[in-house]
């Protein structure tokens, strides 16, 4: 499966891409993880959207938020992989592309995430370190993690 990366601002997203993003986030966060939460949080409009695609199919996604939108630092959120595409390296590619984009756009900076704790080792493999205590968000255990990127 050949994977391509597409990164767009909210204004650059086509209606088809926005629908695919919303559907993937709902498929995983609401249905698979059985979590009822308000996904439409008015942050997408200020985000850069990182999409990993196979042909025209969205297999993984994250959004990059500027400093101050969620945390004092630049942040990566809504990290998600389609259940049918897990195990092919799309999640790893997504994080590599997200961090590289942050370095290009924001230069050397700290990056903070609110990670689901079961993915702690995955994020540590990208240089993230735990930055606080675990907490419940929408009934799922999370922990804040930080790393530093260089331009």
Protein backbone atom coordinates (compact mmCIF):
# COMPACT_ATOMS: atom_id res chain seq x y z
CA UNK A 1 0.00 0.00 0.00
CA UNK A 2 1.58 3.27 -1.12
CA UNK A 3 1.09 6.08 1.36
CA UNK A 4 1.11 9.77 0.55
CA UNK A 5 1.07 12.75 2.88
CA UNK A 6 -1.14 15.78 2.39
CA UNK A 7 -1.06 18.76 4.77
CA UNK A 8 -3.61 21.55 4.47
CA UNK A 9 -5.04 24.43 6.43
CA UNK A 10 -8.74 24.34 7.23
CA UNK A 11 -9.50 26.71 4.36
CA UNK A 12 -7.62 24.49 1.90
CA UNK A 13 -9.55 21.32 2.80
CA UNK A 14 -12.08 20.17 0.24
CA UNK A 15 -15.52 19.20 1.49
CA UNK A 16 -14.65 15.58 0.62
CA UNK A 17 -11.48 15.73 2.73
CA UNK A 18 -13.26 17.38 5.67
CA UNK A 19 -15.96 14.70 5.55
CA UNK A 20 -13.31 11.92 5.52
CA UNK A 21 -11.58 13.50 8.53
CA UNK A 22 -14.80 13.82 10.52
CA UNK A 23 -15.85 10.30 9.61
CA UNK A 24 -12.50 8.78 10.62
CA UNK A 25 -12.47 10.65 13.92
CA UNK A 26 -16.04 9.53 14.64
CA UNK A 27 -15.36 5.92 13.58
CA UNK A 28 -12.47 5.62 16.03
CA UNK A 29 -13.13 8.03 18.89
CA UNK A 30 -16.93 7.75 19.13
CA UNK A 31 -17.76 4.27 17.82
CA UNK A 32 -14.64 2.12 18.37
CA UNK A 33 -13.65 3.72 21.69
CA UNK A 34 -17.30 4.16 22.74
CA UNK A 35 -16.68 7.75 23.76
CA UNK A 36 -19.37 10.39 23.51
CA UNK A 37 -17.66 13.76 23.25
CA UNK A 38 -17.92 17.05 21.36
CA UNK A 39 -15.47 16.59 18.50
CA UNK A 40 -16.39 19.93 16.89
CA UNK A 41 -14.42 22.11 19.32
CA UNK A 42 -13.73 25.16 17.10
CA UNK A 43 -10.02 24.32 16.91
CA UNK A 44 -10.05 22.76 13.43
CA UNK A 45 -10.29 26.23 11.90
CA UNK A 46 -6.85 27.24 13.26
CA UNK A 47 -5.23 23.84 12.71
CA UNK A 48 -3.05 22.38 10.03
CA UNK A 49 -4.44 19.00 9.01
CA UNK A 50 -2.02 16.13 8.34
CA UNK A 51 -3.54 13.37 6.23
CA UNK A 52 -1.93 10.07 5.32
CA UNK A 53 -3.72 8.64 2.31
CA UNK A 54 -3.63 5.50 0.22
CA UNK A 55 -4.91 6.58 -3.17
CA UNK A 56 -7.88 8.72 -2.15
CA UNK A 57 -8.57 6.83 1.10
CA UNK A 58 -7.74 8.53 4.44
CA UNK A 59 -5.81 6.01 6.56
CA UNK A 60 -4.40 8.27 9.29
CA UNK A 61 -4.85 11.84 10.46
CA UNK A 62 -3.67 14.42 12.98
CA UNK A 63 -4.15 18.11 13.49
CA UNK A 64 -1.41 20.54 14.42
CA UNK A 65 -2.51 23.39 16.67
CA UNK A 66 -0.52 26.59 17.16
CA UNK A 67 0.77 27.54 20.60
CA UNK A 68 -2.08 28.77 22.76
CA UNK A 69 -4.89 26.87 21.00
CA UNK A 70 -4.85 23.86 23.35
CA UNK A 71 -1.61 24.20 25.30
CA UNK A 72 0.98 26.98 25.70
CA UNK A 73 3.11 24.97 23.23
CA UNK A 74 2.41 23.84 19.67
CA UNK A 75 0.42 20.63 19.92
CA UNK A 76 -0.58 17.56 17.96
CA UNK A 77 -4.08 16.24 18.50
CA UNK A 78 -6.82 14.00 17.16
CA UNK A 79 -4.14 11.44 16.19
CA UNK A 80 -6.05 8.59 14.58
CA UNK A 81 -5.57 5.59 12.28
CA UNK A 82 -8.29 3.72 10.44
CA UNK A 83 -8.83 0.28 11.94
CA UNK A 84 -8.48 -1.34 8.49
CA UNK A 85 -5.06 0.27 7.99
CA UNK A 86 -3.40 -0.50 11.31
CA UNK A 87 -0.14 -2.39 11.26
CA UNK A 88 1.10 -0.91 7.97
CA UNK A 89 3.14 1.93 9.49
CA UNK A 90 0.61 4.69 8.83
CA UNK A 91 0.60 5.86 12.45
CA UNK A 92 4.39 6.01 12.57
CA UNK A 93 4.46 7.88 9.27
CA UNK A 94 1.78 10.26 10.57
CA UNK A 95 3.83 11.20 13.64
CA UNK A 96 7.05 11.59 11.62
CA UNK A 97 5.29 13.87 9.14
CA UNK A 98 3.54 15.83 11.91
CA UNK A 99 6.78 16.52 13.78
CA UNK A 100 8.68 17.39 10.59
CA UNK A 101 5.91 19.81 9.59
CA UNK A 102 6.03 21.50 13.00
CA UNK A 103 9.79 21.98 12.66
CA UNK A 104 9.36 23.50 9.18
CA UNK A 105 6.50 25.81 10.13
CA UNK A 106 7.30 26.73 13.73
CA UNK A 107 11.07 26.19 13.91
CA UNK A 108 12.74 24.88 17.04
CA UNK A 109 10.01 24.54 19.65
CA UNK A 110 8.41 22.40 22.32
CA UNK A 111 5.46 20.22 21.38
CA UNK A 112 2.83 18.97 23.84
CA UNK A 113 0.25 16.23 23.39
CA UNK A 114 -2.51 14.77 25.52
CA UNK A 115 -1.90 11.09 24.83
CA UNK A 116 -4.05 8.10 25.61
CA UNK A 117 -1.88 6.22 28.11
CA UNK A 118 -1.96 2.91 26.25
CA UNK A 119 0.04 4.68 23.49
CA UNK A 120 2.71 5.97 25.89
CA UNK A 121 5.53 3.80 24.47
CA UNK A 122 4.55 4.65 20.90
CA UNK A 123 4.92 8.38 21.60
CA UNK A 124 8.14 7.84 23.58
CA UNK A 125 9.62 6.33 20.41
CA UNK A 126 9.35 9.84 18.90
CA UNK A 127 11.13 11.49 21.81
CA UNK A 128 8.08 12.42 23.88
CA UNK A 129 8.40 12.29 27.66
CA UNK A 130 5.66 12.18 30.27
CA UNK A 131 4.88 15.66 31.59
CA UNK A 132 2.44 15.18 34.43
CA UNK A 133 0.06 12.75 36.04
CA UNK A 134 -2.51 10.61 34.28
CA UNK A 135 -6.01 12.05 34.00
CA UNK A 136 -9.37 11.00 32.65
CA UNK A 137 -10.64 12.72 29.54
CA UNK A 138 -14.02 11.56 28.27
CA UNK A 139 -13.62 8.39 30.35
CA UNK A 140 -10.24 7.46 28.79
CA UNK A 141 -6.95 7.64 30.69
CA UNK A 142 -4.54 10.23 29.23
CA UNK A 143 -1.20 11.78 30.08
CA UNK A 144 0.40 14.97 28.79
CA UNK A 145 3.71 14.41 27.01
CA UNK A 146 6.27 16.83 25.56
CA UNK A 147 9.15 16.77 23.14
CA UNK A 148 11.30 19.34 21.38
CA UNK A 149 11.74 19.67 17.61
CA UNK A 150 14.57 21.42 15.80
CA UNK A 151 14.20 23.28 12.51
